């Protein structure tokens, strides 16, 4: 029995690595000739490279806007430190989805934000992000249908998105309407989650009703004042990421005649839903494979598609890691300097 937790930890570490290795060294080399992929990337002009990098920087900036809306009083600089540091953790640590919020609590707490305010901010941003992720496949399917094109995978994703999105919107509206409805929604979700936990041989979930009431109490005022800005900033962030993918594809040679912007939106939306599953840190490997399959399947040249996807992922998965490490180390240095000044003041 004592070895099982250790074995699970090892498997949690090795399984993502095995998936990433299988995709990058097994699957993708069978899809495209990597020597041609590198030549395609090297053939980008300085103007094309500059445009892609500039869009990537803008994309990183757009991550900060929903944070500042969801947490009143958060400065642009503080949002930048938190966003990049937590993203770096999420992109590198196998349990990054769980560790990232711990970094957020640590940073926000050092700036004087209450734990309850941090929790509210994370929950609200998570809800709005997921609503947009669920809505984008629906929009993509509608645009493809107008253009006379269909995609079975996107159709499935859109149908799932419609059902889940409607359910989420209804549950959110009921939760915000009154404490009694919030308690009922929380108890219902808790009961459903308990069924899943029992199937996994874990103890049932408790306190769902009270948690929903606390969520309502913490968020109803913020959402009444800022729901519109939260919606706009979240959409800007997601659309900016999509535009970065489109521009990268065009700059490596994938034309609109090969893969239209609506087909790119469809592939982007589908893979965004897929990447919500915490299979690998930051969706590494999974996103690359999903985008390659969808875009090449839509008619794009395989080498050019793989080149675009790799450039896109370097700018969206890899770039935030050194930036996040630098911002976190800068924060640690500032905290150490502040503690040193405080000690000097107390002793002098």
C-alpha atoms as a PDB file:
ATOM      1  CA  UNK A   1       0.000   0.000   0.000  1.00  0.00           C
ATOM      2  CA  UNK A   2       2.865   2.392   0.852  1.00  0.00           C
ATOM      3  CA  UNK A   3       4.320   2.138  -2.633  1.00  0.00           C
ATOM      4  CA  UNK A   4       1.132   3.132  -4.417  1.00  0.00           C
ATOM      5  CA  UNK A   5       1.276   6.893  -3.759  1.00  0.00           C
ATOM      6  CA  UNK A   6       4.946   6.877  -4.827  1.00  0.00           C
ATOM      7  CA  UNK A   7       4.079   4.911  -7.953  1.00  0.00           C
ATOM      8  CA  UNK A   8       1.252   7.305  -8.811  1.00  0.00           C
ATOM      9  CA  UNK A   9       3.595  10.278  -8.485  1.00  0.00           C
ATOM     10  CA  UNK A  10       6.118   8.626 -10.792  1.00  0.00           C
ATOM     11  CA  UNK A  11       3.422   7.820 -13.328  1.00  0.00           C
ATOM     12  CA  UNK A  12       2.092  11.390 -13.196  1.00  0.00           C
ATOM     13  CA  UNK A  13       5.602  12.563 -14.048  1.00  0.00           C
ATOM     14  CA  UNK A  14       6.489   9.966 -16.669  1.00  0.00           C
ATOM     15  CA  UNK A  15       3.176   9.741 -18.531  1.00  0.00           C
ATOM     16  CA  UNK A  16       3.197  13.368 -19.786  1.00  0.00           C
ATOM     17  CA  UNK A  17       6.845  12.992 -20.796  1.00  0.00           C
ATOM     18  CA  UNK A  18       6.021   9.798 -22.687  1.00  0.00           C
ATOM     19  CA  UNK A  19       3.134  11.508 -24.501  1.00  0.00           C
ATOM     20  CA  UNK A  20       5.304  14.487 -25.490  1.00  0.00           C
ATOM     21  CA  UNK A  21       8.150  12.233 -26.675  1.00  0.00           C
ATOM     22  CA  UNK A  22       5.789  10.020 -28.678  1.00  0.00           C
ATOM     23  CA  UNK A  23       4.250  13.015 -30.450  1.00  0.00           C
ATOM     24  CA  UNK A  24       7.444  14.951 -31.213  1.00  0.00           C
ATOM     25  CA  UNK A  25       9.724  12.019 -32.004  1.00  0.00           C
ATOM     26  CA  UNK A  26       7.220   9.469 -33.261  1.00  0.00           C
ATOM     27  CA  UNK A  27       4.139  11.042 -34.809  1.00  0.00           C
ATOM     28  CA  UNK A  28       5.100  14.474 -36.170  1.00  0.00           C
ATOM     29  CA  UNK A  29       8.220  13.233 -38.042  1.00  0.00           C
ATOM     30  CA  UNK A  30       5.907  10.829 -39.860  1.00  0.00           C
ATOM     31  CA  UNK A  31       3.609  13.698 -40.810  1.00  0.00           C
ATOM     32  CA  UNK A  32       6.213  16.103 -42.209  1.00  0.00           C
ATOM     33  CA  UNK A  33       9.846  16.208 -43.330  1.00  0.00           C
ATOM     34  CA  UNK A  34      11.485  18.220 -40.545  1.00  0.00           C
ATOM     35  CA  UNK A  35      14.396  19.346 -42.712  1.00  0.00           C
ATOM     36  CA  UNK A  36      11.830  21.018 -44.973  1.00  0.00           C
ATOM     37  CA  UNK A  37      10.020  22.384 -41.915  1.00  0.00           C
ATOM     38  CA  UNK A  38      13.187  24.130 -40.720  1.00  0.00           C
ATOM     39  CA  UNK A  39      13.835  25.513 -44.220  1.00  0.00           C
ATOM     40  CA  UNK A  40      10.309  26.909 -44.267  1.00  0.00           C
ATOM     41  CA  UNK A  41      10.825  28.638 -40.934  1.00  0.00           C
ATOM     42  CA  UNK A  42      14.230  30.005 -41.994  1.00  0.00           C
ATOM     43  CA  UNK A  43      12.683  31.408 -45.188  1.00  0.00           C
ATOM     44  CA  UNK A  44      10.517  33.875 -43.248  1.00  0.00           C
ATOM     45  CA  UNK A  45      11.552  37.458 -43.934  1.00  0.00           C
ATOM     46  CA  UNK A  46      12.537  39.857 -41.166  1.00  0.00           C
ATOM     47  CA  UNK A  47       9.238  41.694 -41.667  1.00  0.00           C
ATOM     48  CA  UNK A  48       7.223  38.495 -41.334  1.00  0.00           C
ATOM     49  CA  UNK A  49       9.200  37.467 -38.244  1.00  0.00           C
ATOM     50  CA  UNK A  50       8.801  40.916 -36.693  1.00  0.00           C
ATOM     51  CA  UNK A  51       5.044  40.879 -37.300  1.00  0.00           C
ATOM     52  CA  UNK A  52       4.655  37.463 -35.666  1.00  0.00           C
ATOM     53  CA  UNK A  53       6.804  38.401 -32.650  1.00  0.00           C
ATOM     54  CA  UNK A  54       4.938  41.703 -32.208  1.00  0.00           C
ATOM     55  CA  UNK A  55       1.605  39.863 -32.222  1.00  0.00           C
ATOM     56  CA  UNK A  56       3.005  37.359 -29.707  1.00  0.00           C
ATOM     57  CA  UNK A  57       3.991  40.187 -27.359  1.00  0.00           C
ATOM     58  CA  UNK A  58       0.550  41.767 -27.744  1.00  0.00           C
ATOM     59  CA  UNK A  59      -1.008  38.390 -27.003  1.00  0.00           C
ATOM     60  CA  UNK A  60       0.918  38.206 -23.721  1.00  0.00           C
ATOM     61  CA  UNK A  61      -0.253  41.714 -22.836  1.00  0.00           C
ATOM     62  CA  UNK A  62      -3.903  40.798 -23.424  1.00  0.00           C
ATOM     63  CA  UNK A  63      -3.671  38.149 -20.700  1.00  0.00           C
ATOM     64  CA  UNK A  64      -3.348  40.953 -18.157  1.00  0.00           C
ATOM     65  CA  UNK A  65      -6.589  42.799 -18.921  1.00  0.00           C
ATOM     66  CA  UNK A  66      -9.063  40.203 -17.541  1.00  0.00           C
ATOM     67  CA  UNK A  67      -6.938  39.919 -14.394  1.00  0.00           C
ATOM     68  CA  UNK A  68      -7.112  43.651 -13.765  1.00  0.00           C
ATOM     69  CA  UNK A  69     -10.875  43.632 -14.313  1.00  0.00           C
ATOM     70  CA  UNK A  70     -11.453  40.613 -12.053  1.00  0.00           C
ATOM     71  CA  UNK A  71      -9.291  41.980  -9.225  1.00  0.00           C
ATOM     72  CA  UNK A  72      -9.913  45.706  -8.633  1.00  0.00           C
ATOM     73  CA  UNK A  73      -6.765  47.485  -7.514  1.00  0.00           C
ATOM     74  CA  UNK A  74      -4.367  45.175  -9.347  1.00  0.00           C
ATOM     75  CA  UNK A  75      -1.786  47.196 -11.275  1.00  0.00           C
ATOM     76  CA  UNK A  76      -0.521  46.423 -14.768  1.00  0.00           C
ATOM     77  CA  UNK A  77       2.927  45.526 -13.420  1.00  0.00           C
ATOM     78  CA  UNK A  78       1.527  43.224 -10.751  1.00  0.00           C
ATOM     79  CA  UNK A  79      -0.694  41.507 -13.311  1.00  0.00           C
ATOM     80  CA  UNK A  80       2.339  40.993 -15.562  1.00  0.00           C
ATOM     81  CA  UNK A  81       4.358  39.349 -12.790  1.00  0.00           C
ATOM     82  CA  UNK A  82       1.515  37.043 -11.762  1.00  0.00           C
ATOM     83  CA  UNK A  83       0.451  36.129 -15.285  1.00  0.00           C
ATOM     84  CA  UNK A  84       3.905  35.251 -16.558  1.00  0.00           C
ATOM     85  CA  UNK A  85       5.029  33.461 -13.381  1.00  0.00           C
ATOM     86  CA  UNK A  86       1.908  31.280 -13.117  1.00  0.00           C
ATOM     87  CA  UNK A  87       1.979  30.558 -16.867  1.00  0.00           C
ATOM     88  CA  UNK A  88       5.612  29.472 -16.647  1.00  0.00           C
ATOM     89  CA  UNK A  89       4.688  27.033 -13.878  1.00  0.00           C
ATOM     90  CA  UNK A  90       1.678  25.734 -15.800  1.00  0.00           C
ATOM     91  CA  UNK A  91       3.785  25.179 -18.928  1.00  0.00           C
ATOM     92  CA  UNK A  92       6.575  23.250 -17.211  1.00  0.00           C
ATOM     93  CA  UNK A  93       5.293  21.409 -14.132  1.00  0.00           C
ATOM     94  CA  UNK A  94       3.250  18.204 -14.656  1.00  0.00           C
ATOM     95  CA  UNK A  95       0.818  19.361 -11.959  1.00  0.00           C
ATOM     96  CA  UNK A  96       1.024  22.957 -13.162  1.00  0.00           C
ATOM     97  CA  UNK A  97      -2.746  23.392 -13.187  1.00  0.00           C
ATOM     98  CA  UNK A  98      -2.696  22.841  -9.424  1.00  0.00           C
ATOM     99  CA  UNK A  99       0.603  24.593  -8.636  1.00  0.00           C
ATOM    100  CA  UNK A 100      -0.126  27.722 -10.676  1.00  0.00           C
ATOM    101  CA  UNK A 101      -2.888  29.004  -8.347  1.00  0.00           C
ATOM    102  CA  UNK A 102      -0.529  28.547  -5.371  1.00  0.00           C
ATOM    103  CA  UNK A 103       1.899  30.941  -7.053  1.00  0.00           C
ATOM    104  CA  UNK A 104      -0.980  33.363  -7.630  1.00  0.00           C
ATOM    105  CA  UNK A 105      -1.996  33.298  -3.951  1.00  0.00           C
ATOM    106  CA  UNK A 106       1.609  33.854  -2.931  1.00  0.00           C
ATOM    107  CA  UNK A 107       2.076  36.852  -5.218  1.00  0.00           C
ATOM    108  CA  UNK A 108      -1.275  38.500  -4.570  1.00  0.00           C
ATOM    109  CA  UNK A 109      -0.861  38.004  -0.823  1.00  0.00           C
ATOM    110  CA  UNK A 110       2.485  39.810  -0.904  1.00  0.00           C
ATOM    111  CA  UNK A 111       0.751  42.811  -2.467  1.00  0.00           C
ATOM    112  CA  UNK A 112      -1.914  42.935   0.230  1.00  0.00           C
ATOM    113  CA  UNK A 113      -4.836  41.268  -1.534  1.00  0.00           C
ATOM    114  CA  UNK A 114      -7.028  39.098   0.660  1.00  0.00           C
ATOM    115  CA  UNK A 115      -7.249  35.379  -0.027  1.00  0.00           C
ATOM    116  CA  UNK A 116     -10.998  35.702  -0.632  1.00  0.00           C
ATOM    117  CA  UNK A 117     -10.405  38.377  -3.289  1.00  0.00           C
ATOM    118  CA  UNK A 118      -7.826  36.170  -5.002  1.00  0.00           C
ATOM    119  CA  UNK A 119     -10.206  33.212  -4.988  1.00  0.00           C
ATOM    120  CA  UNK A 120     -12.977  35.328  -6.463  1.00  0.00           C
ATOM    121  CA  UNK A 121     -10.654  36.607  -9.181  1.00  0.00           C
ATOM    122  CA  UNK A 122      -9.485  33.120 -10.163  1.00  0.00           C
ATOM    123  CA  UNK A 123     -13.002  31.679 -10.198  1.00  0.00           C
ATOM    124  CA  UNK A 124     -14.487  34.526 -12.236  1.00  0.00           C
ATOM    125  CA  UNK A 125     -11.665  34.439 -14.787  1.00  0.00           C
ATOM    126  CA  UNK A 126     -11.958  30.661 -15.031  1.00  0.00           C
ATOM    127  CA  UNK A 127     -15.704  30.821 -15.641  1.00  0.00           C
ATOM    128  CA  UNK A 128     -15.397  33.484 -18.340  1.00  0.00           C
ATOM    129  CA  UNK A 129     -12.489  31.739 -20.040  1.00  0.00           C
ATOM    130  CA  UNK A 130     -14.419  28.490 -20.229  1.00  0.00           C
ATOM    131  CA  UNK A 131     -17.532  30.238 -21.527  1.00  0.00           C
ATOM    132  CA  UNK A 132     -15.502  31.737 -24.374  1.00  0.00           C
ATOM    133  CA  UNK A 133     -13.789  28.394 -25.082  1.00  0.00           C
ATOM    134  CA  UNK A 134     -17.189  26.729 -25.332  1.00  0.00           C
ATOM    135  CA  UNK A 135     -18.609  29.502 -27.494  1.00  0.00           C
ATOM    136  CA  UNK A 136     -15.817  29.672 -30.068  1.00  0.00           C
ATOM    137  CA  UNK A 137     -16.509  26.256 -31.693  1.00  0.00           C
ATOM    138  CA  UNK A 138     -20.146  27.293 -32.064  1.00  0.00           C
ATOM    139  CA  UNK A 139     -19.131  30.525 -33.811  1.00  0.00           C
ATOM    140  CA  UNK A 140     -16.627  28.645 -35.989  1.00  0.00           C
ATOM    141  CA  UNK A 141     -19.212  26.066 -37.050  1.00  0.00           C
ATOM    142  CA  UNK A 142     -21.706  28.794 -37.937  1.00  0.00           C
ATOM    143  CA  UNK A 143     -19.126  30.606 -40.083  1.00  0.00           C
ATOM    144  CA  UNK A 144     -18.102  27.388 -41.822  1.00  0.00           C
ATOM    145  CA  UNK A 145     -21.744  26.539 -42.493  1.00  0.00           C
ATOM    146  CA  UNK A 146     -22.270  29.967 -44.081  1.00  0.00           C
ATOM    147  CA  UNK A 147     -19.312  29.244 -46.352  1.00  0.00           C
ATOM    148  CA  UNK A 148     -20.749  25.864 -47.312  1.00  0.00           C
ATOM    149  CA  UNK A 149     -18.132  23.820 -45.454  1.00  0.00           C
ATOM    150  CA  UNK A 150     -18.616  21.247 -42.710  1.00  0.00           C
ATOM    151  CA  UNK A 151     -16.233  19.491 -40.360  1.00  0.00           C
ATOM    152  CA  UNK A 152     -17.386  16.398 -38.420  1.00  0.00           C
ATOM    153  CA  UNK A 153     -14.916  16.912 -35.573  1.00  0.00           C
ATOM    154  CA  UNK A 154     -15.870  20.574 -35.227  1.00  0.00           C
ATOM    155  CA  UNK A 155     -19.562  19.686 -35.446  1.00  0.00           C
ATOM    156  CA  UNK A 156     -19.155  17.310 -32.521  1.00  0.00           C
ATOM    157  CA  UNK A 157     -17.197  19.889 -30.538  1.00  0.00           C
ATOM    158  CA  UNK A 158     -19.772  22.578 -31.322  1.00  0.00           C
ATOM    159  CA  UNK A 159     -22.686  20.375 -30.259  1.00  0.00           C
ATOM    160  CA  UNK A 160     -20.929  19.547 -27.005  1.00  0.00           C
ATOM    161  CA  UNK A 161     -20.123  23.231 -26.606  1.00  0.00           C
ATOM    162  CA  UNK A 162     -23.771  24.249 -27.119  1.00  0.00           C
ATOM    163  CA  UNK A 163     -25.026  21.832 -24.472  1.00  0.00           C
ATOM    164  CA  UNK A 164     -22.331  22.624 -21.921  1.00  0.00           C
ATOM    165  CA  UNK A 165     -22.430  26.372 -22.603  1.00  0.00           C
ATOM    166  CA  UNK A 166     -26.206  26.573 -22.175  1.00  0.00           C
ATOM    167  CA  UNK A 167     -26.018  24.502 -19.006  1.00  0.00           C
ATOM    168  CA  UNK A 168     -23.193  26.668 -17.638  1.00  0.00           C
ATOM    169  CA  UNK A 169     -25.010  29.927 -18.410  1.00  0.00           C
ATOM    170  CA  UNK A 170     -28.226  28.679 -16.804  1.00  0.00           C
ATOM    171  CA  UNK A 171     -26.429  27.431 -13.692  1.00  0.00           C
ATOM    172  CA  UNK A 172     -24.474  30.688 -13.405  1.00  0.00           C
ATOM    173  CA  UNK A 173     -27.661  32.762 -13.753  1.00  0.00           C
ATOM    174  CA  UNK A 174     -29.452  30.667 -11.117  1.00  0.00           C
ATOM    175  CA  UNK A 175     -26.484  30.890  -8.768  1.00  0.00           C
ATOM    176  CA  UNK A 176     -26.363  34.678  -9.008  1.00  0.00           C
ATOM    177  CA  UNK A 177     -30.122  35.146  -8.698  1.00  0.00           C
ATOM    178  CA  UNK A 178     -30.549  34.202  -5.027  1.00  0.00           C
ATOM    179  CA  UNK A 179     -28.833  32.430  -2.148  1.00  0.00           C
ATOM    180  CA  UNK A 180     -31.432  29.656  -2.096  1.00  0.00           C
ATOM    181  CA  UNK A 181     -30.961  28.896  -5.794  1.00  0.00           C
ATOM    182  CA  UNK A 182     -27.184  29.084  -5.361  1.00  0.00           C
ATOM    183  CA  UNK A 183     -27.387  26.509  -2.559  1.00  0.00           C
ATOM    184  CA  UNK A 184     -29.529  24.195  -4.675  1.00  0.00           C
ATOM    185  CA  UNK A 185     -27.173  24.475  -7.653  1.00  0.00           C
ATOM    186  CA  UNK A 186     -24.172  23.794  -5.425  1.00  0.00           C
ATOM    187  CA  UNK A 187     -25.827  20.783  -3.788  1.00  0.00           C
ATOM    188  CA  UNK A 188     -26.805  19.397  -7.196  1.00  0.00           C
ATOM    189  CA  UNK A 189     -23.319  19.793  -8.625  1.00  0.00           C
ATOM    190  CA  UNK A 190     -21.852  18.333  -5.446  1.00  0.00           C
ATOM    191  CA  UNK A 191     -24.100  15.271  -5.740  1.00  0.00           C
ATOM    192  CA  UNK A 192     -23.101  14.768  -9.381  1.00  0.00           C
ATOM    193  CA  UNK A 193     -19.426  15.108  -8.514  1.00  0.00           C
ATOM    194  CA  UNK A 194     -19.841  12.637  -5.653  1.00  0.00           C
ATOM    195  CA  UNK A 195     -21.010  10.004  -8.145  1.00  0.00           C
ATOM    196  CA  UNK A 196     -17.783  10.486 -10.091  1.00  0.00           C
ATOM    197  CA  UNK A 197     -15.680  10.350  -6.914  1.00  0.00           C
ATOM    198  CA  UNK A 198     -17.359   7.137  -5.769  1.00  0.00           C
ATOM    199  CA  UNK A 199     -16.573   5.557  -9.133  1.00  0.00           C
ATOM    200  CA  UNK A 200     -12.925   6.492  -8.462  1.00  0.00           C
ATOM    201  CA  UNK A 201     -13.243   5.008  -4.951  1.00  0.00           C
ATOM    202  CA  UNK A 202     -12.930   8.364  -3.242  1.00  0.00           C
ATOM    203  CA  UNK A 203     -15.001   9.982  -0.540  1.00  0.00           C
ATOM    204  CA  UNK A 204     -18.078  11.958  -1.689  1.00  0.00           C
ATOM    205  CA  UNK A 205     -17.884  15.714  -2.131  1.00  0.00           C
ATOM    206  CA  UNK A 206     -19.386  17.842   0.618  1.00  0.00           C
ATOM    207  CA  UNK A 207     -20.253  21.495   1.140  1.00  0.00           C
ATOM    208  CA  UNK A 208     -21.259  22.216  -2.456  1.00  0.00           C
ATOM    209  CA  UNK A 209     -24.244  24.320  -1.442  1.00  0.00           C
ATOM    210  CA  UNK A 210     -22.295  26.517   0.959  1.00  0.00           C
ATOM    211  CA  UNK A 211     -19.476  26.929  -1.564  1.00  0.00           C
ATOM    212  CA  UNK A 212     -21.984  28.122  -4.183  1.00  0.00           C
ATOM    213  CA  UNK A 213     -23.451  30.616  -1.715  1.00  0.00           C
ATOM    214  CA  UNK A 214     -19.977  31.942  -0.920  1.00  0.00           C
ATOM    215  CA  UNK A 215     -19.244  32.240  -4.640  1.00  0.00           C
ATOM    216  CA  UNK A 216     -22.447  34.214  -5.128  1.00  0.00           C
ATOM    217  CA  UNK A 217     -21.732  36.519  -2.197  1.00  0.00           C
ATOM    218  CA  UNK A 218     -18.192  37.153  -3.403  1.00  0.00           C
ATOM    219  CA  UNK A 219     -18.909  37.665  -7.090  1.00  0.00           C
ATOM    220  CA  UNK A 220     -22.385  39.140  -7.526  1.00  0.00           C
ATOM    221  CA  UNK A 221     -21.253  42.710  -6.861  1.00  0.00           C
ATOM    222  CA  UNK A 222     -18.177  42.434  -9.071  1.00  0.00           C
ATOM    223  CA  UNK A 223     -20.085  40.886 -11.956  1.00  0.00           C
ATOM    224  CA  UNK A 224     -22.847  43.476 -11.812  1.00  0.00           C
ATOM    225  CA  UNK A 225     -20.259  46.229 -12.182  1.00  0.00           C
ATOM    226  CA  UNK A 226     -17.729  44.600 -14.480  1.00  0.00           C
ATOM    227  CA  UNK A 227     -19.278  41.720 -16.433  1.00  0.00           C
ATOM    228  CA  UNK A 228     -19.180  43.685 -19.706  1.00  0.00           C
ATOM    229  CA  UNK A 229     -15.491  44.595 -19.366  1.00  0.00           C
ATOM    230  CA  UNK A 230     -14.687  41.073 -18.264  1.00  0.00           C
ATOM    231  CA  UNK A 231     -16.403  39.715 -21.374  1.00  0.00           C
ATOM    232  CA  UNK A 232     -14.671  42.170 -23.721  1.00  0.00           C
ATOM    233  CA  UNK A 233     -11.183  41.654 -22.286  1.00  0.00           C
ATOM    234  CA  UNK A 234     -11.551  37.859 -22.275  1.00  0.00           C
ATOM    235  CA  UNK A 235     -12.682  37.898 -25.904  1.00  0.00           C
ATOM    236  CA  UNK A 236      -9.787  40.177 -26.881  1.00  0.00           C
ATOM    237  CA  UNK A 237      -7.344  37.747 -25.269  1.00  0.00           C
ATOM    238  CA  UNK A 238      -8.733  34.694 -27.077  1.00  0.00           C
ATOM    239  CA  UNK A 239      -9.104  36.457 -30.434  1.00  0.00           C
ATOM    240  CA  UNK A 240      -5.533  37.798 -30.210  1.00  0.00           C
ATOM    241  CA  UNK A 241      -4.244  34.248 -29.755  1.00  0.00           C
ATOM    242  CA  UNK A 242      -6.262  33.115 -32.765  1.00  0.00           C
ATOM    243  CA  UNK A 243      -4.964  36.006 -34.914  1.00  0.00           C
ATOM    244  CA  UNK A 244      -1.400  35.060 -33.991  1.00  0.00           C
ATOM    245  CA  UNK A 245      -2.050  31.584 -35.402  1.00  0.00           C
ATOM    246  CA  UNK A 246      -3.567  33.005 -38.594  1.00  0.00           C
ATOM    247  CA  UNK A 247      -0.691  35.417 -39.222  1.00  0.00           C
ATOM    248  CA  UNK A 248       1.887  32.702 -38.520  1.00  0.00           C
ATOM    249  CA  UNK A 249       0.231  30.397 -41.038  1.00  0.00           C
ATOM    250  CA  UNK A 250       0.149  33.100 -43.697  1.00  0.00           C
ATOM    251  CA  UNK A 251       3.771  34.108 -43.067  1.00  0.00           C
ATOM    252  CA  UNK A 252       5.087  30.583 -43.614  1.00  0.00           C
ATOM    253  CA  UNK A 253       3.131  30.246 -46.848  1.00  0.00           C
ATOM    254  CA  UNK A 254      -0.232  28.647 -45.991  1.00  0.00           C
ATOM    255  CA  UNK A 255      -2.648  30.726 -48.096  1.00  0.00           C
ATOM    256  CA  UNK A 256      -6.306  31.455 -47.452  1.00  0.00           C
ATOM    257  CA  UNK A 257      -7.131  29.339 -50.512  1.00  0.00           C
ATOM    258  CA  UNK A 258      -5.535  26.319 -48.801  1.00  0.00           C
ATOM    259  CA  UNK A 259      -6.903  26.907 -45.300  1.00  0.00           C
ATOM    260  CA  UNK A 260      -9.399  29.739 -44.878  1.00  0.00           C
ATOM    261  CA  UNK A 261      -9.525  31.916 -41.785  1.00  0.00           C
ATOM    262  CA  UNK A 262     -12.803  30.241 -40.797  1.00  0.00           C
ATOM    263  CA  UNK A 263     -11.168  26.808 -41.021  1.00  0.00           C
ATOM    264  CA  UNK A 264      -8.293  28.100 -38.900  1.00  0.00           C
ATOM    265  CA  UNK A 265     -10.858  29.325 -36.373  1.00  0.00           C
ATOM    266  CA  UNK A 266     -12.481  25.898 -36.387  1.00  0.00           C
ATOM    267  CA  UNK A 267      -9.171  24.117 -35.778  1.00  0.00           C
ATOM    268  CA  UNK A 268      -8.155  26.653 -33.130  1.00  0.00           C
ATOM    269  CA  UNK A 269     -11.482  26.343 -31.289  1.00  0.00           C
ATOM    270  CA  UNK A 270     -11.490  22.555 -31.344  1.00  0.00           C
ATOM    271  CA  UNK A 271      -7.925  22.280 -30.057  1.00  0.00           C
ATOM    272  CA  UNK A 272      -8.584  24.864 -27.335  1.00  0.00           C
ATOM    273  CA  UNK A 273     -11.292  22.573 -25.990  1.00  0.00           C
ATOM    274  CA  UNK A 274      -8.990  19.575 -26.296  1.00  0.00           C
ATOM    275  CA  UNK A 275      -6.162  21.337 -24.475  1.00  0.00           C
ATOM    276  CA  UNK A 276      -8.434  21.905 -21.457  1.00  0.00           C
ATOM    277  CA  UNK A 277      -7.708  18.283 -20.533  1.00  0.00           C
ATOM    278  CA  UNK A 278      -4.571  18.306 -18.316  1.00  0.00           C
ATOM    279  CA  UNK A 279      -2.704  15.617 -20.247  1.00  0.00           C
ATOM    280  CA  UNK A 280       0.642  17.422 -20.525  1.00  0.00           C
ATOM    281  CA  UNK A 281       1.952  20.733 -19.093  1.00  0.00           C
ATOM    282  CA  UNK A 282       0.501  23.565 -21.146  1.00  0.00           C
ATOM    283  CA  UNK A 283      -0.919  21.036 -23.612  1.00  0.00           C
ATOM    284  CA  UNK A 284       2.588  20.412 -24.972  1.00  0.00           C
ATOM    285  CA  UNK A 285       2.445  17.915 -27.818  1.00  0.00           C
ATOM    286  CA  UNK A 286      -1.336  17.622 -27.688  1.00  0.00           C
ATOM    287  CA  UNK A 287      -1.883  21.117 -29.109  1.00  0.00           C
ATOM    288  CA  UNK A 288       0.787  20.642 -31.768  1.00  0.00           C
ATOM    289  CA  UNK A 289      -0.676  17.345 -32.911  1.00  0.00           C
ATOM    290  CA  UNK A 290      -4.258  18.615 -32.837  1.00  0.00           C
ATOM    291  CA  UNK A 291      -3.517  21.768 -34.829  1.00  0.00           C
ATOM    292  CA  UNK A 292      -1.381  19.877 -37.345  1.00  0.00           C
ATOM    293  CA  UNK A 293      -4.059  17.251 -37.937  1.00  0.00           C
ATOM    294  CA  UNK A 294      -6.846  19.812 -38.278  1.00  0.00           C
ATOM    295  CA  UNK A 295      -5.001  22.300 -40.494  1.00  0.00           C
ATOM    296  CA  UNK A 296      -3.319  19.721 -42.735  1.00  0.00           C
ATOM    297  CA  UNK A 297      -6.636  17.908 -43.003  1.00  0.00           C
ATOM    298  CA  UNK A 298      -8.237  21.149 -44.170  1.00  0.00           C
ATOM    299  CA  UNK A 299      -5.823  21.319 -47.118  1.00  0.00           C
ATOM    300  CA  UNK A 300      -2.655  22.950 -45.829  1.00  0.00           C
ATOM    301  CA  UNK A 301       0.785  21.791 -46.944  1.00  0.00           C
ATOM    302  CA  UNK A 302       2.072  19.506 -44.197  1.00  0.00           C
ATOM    303  CA  UNK A 303       5.550  20.987 -43.879  1.00  0.00           C
ATOM    304  CA  UNK A 304       4.217  24.549 -43.880  1.00  0.00           C
ATOM    305  CA  UNK A 305       1.512  23.673 -41.346  1.00  0.00           C
ATOM    306  CA  UNK A 306       3.996  22.012 -38.993  1.00  0.00           C
ATOM    307  CA  UNK A 307       6.354  24.991 -39.393  1.00  0.00           C
ATOM    308  CA  UNK A 308       3.563  27.428 -38.497  1.00  0.00           C
ATOM    309  CA  UNK A 309       2.401  25.341 -35.533  1.00  0.00           C
ATOM    310  CA  UNK A 310       5.926  25.077 -34.130  1.00  0.00           C
ATOM    311  CA  UNK A 311       6.537  28.833 -34.455  1.00  0.00           C
ATOM    312  CA  UNK A 312       3.130  29.506 -32.891  1.00  0.00           C
ATOM    313  CA  UNK A 313       3.887  27.220 -29.952  1.00  0.00           C
ATOM    314  CA  UNK A 314       7.375  28.621 -29.409  1.00  0.00           C
ATOM    315  CA  UNK A 315       5.790  32.061 -29.041  1.00  0.00           C
ATOM    316  CA  UNK A 316       2.853  30.949 -26.887  1.00  0.00           C
ATOM    317  CA  UNK A 317       4.189  28.009 -24.860  1.00  0.00           C
ATOM    318  CA  UNK A 318       7.973  28.489 -24.700  1.00  0.00           C
ATOM    319  CA  UNK A 319       8.312  32.295 -24.644  1.00  0.00           C
ATOM    320  CA  UNK A 320       6.323  32.788 -21.399  1.00  0.00           C
ATOM    321  CA  UNK A 321       8.651  30.410 -19.511  1.00  0.00           C
ATOM    322  CA  UNK A 322      11.834  32.568 -19.397  1.00  0.00           C
ATOM    323  CA  UNK A 323       9.703  35.703 -19.016  1.00  0.00           C
ATOM    324  CA  UNK A 324       7.862  34.109 -16.101  1.00  0.00           C
ATOM    325  CA  UNK A 325      11.081  32.928 -14.481  1.00  0.00           C
ATOM    326  CA  UNK A 326      12.592  36.421 -14.779  1.00  0.00           C
ATOM    327  CA  UNK A 327       9.515  38.164 -13.345  1.00  0.00           C
ATOM    328  CA  UNK A 328       9.271  35.698 -10.450  1.00  0.00           C
ATOM    329  CA  UNK A 329      12.962  36.065  -9.591  1.00  0.00           C
ATOM    330  CA  UNK A 330      12.546  39.842  -9.776  1.00  0.00           C
ATOM    331  CA  UNK A 331       9.628  39.602  -7.349  1.00  0.00           C
ATOM    332  CA  UNK A 332      11.682  37.427  -4.979  1.00  0.00           C
ATOM    333  CA  UNK A 333      14.517  39.952  -5.089  1.00  0.00           C
ATOM    334  CA  UNK A 334      12.163  42.839  -4.337  1.00  0.00           C
ATOM    335  CA  UNK A 335      10.636  40.895  -1.427  1.00  0.00           C
ATOM    336  CA  UNK A 336      14.092  40.146  -0.028  1.00  0.00           C
ATOM    337  CA  UNK A 337      15.100  43.814  -0.335  1.00  0.00           C
ATOM    338  CA  UNK A 338      11.889  44.902   1.388  1.00  0.00           C
ATOM    339  CA  UNK A 339      12.460  42.454   4.245  1.00  0.00           C
ATOM    340  CA  UNK A 340      16.037  43.662   4.606  1.00  0.00           C
ATOM    341  CA  UNK A 341      14.915  47.308   4.794  1.00  0.00           C
ATOM    342  CA  UNK A 342      12.272  46.381   7.357  1.00  0.00           C
ATOM    343  CA  UNK A 343      14.846  44.581   9.506  1.00  0.00           C
ATOM    344  CA  UNK A 344      17.212  47.564   9.307  1.00  0.00           C
ATOM    345  CA  UNK A 345      14.427  49.952  10.285  1.00  0.00           C
ATOM    346  CA  UNK A 346      13.419  47.738  13.211  1.00  0.00           C
ATOM    347  CA  UNK A 347      17.017  47.449  14.415  1.00  0.00           C
ATOM    348  CA  UNK A 348      17.966  51.066  13.926  1.00  0.00           C
END
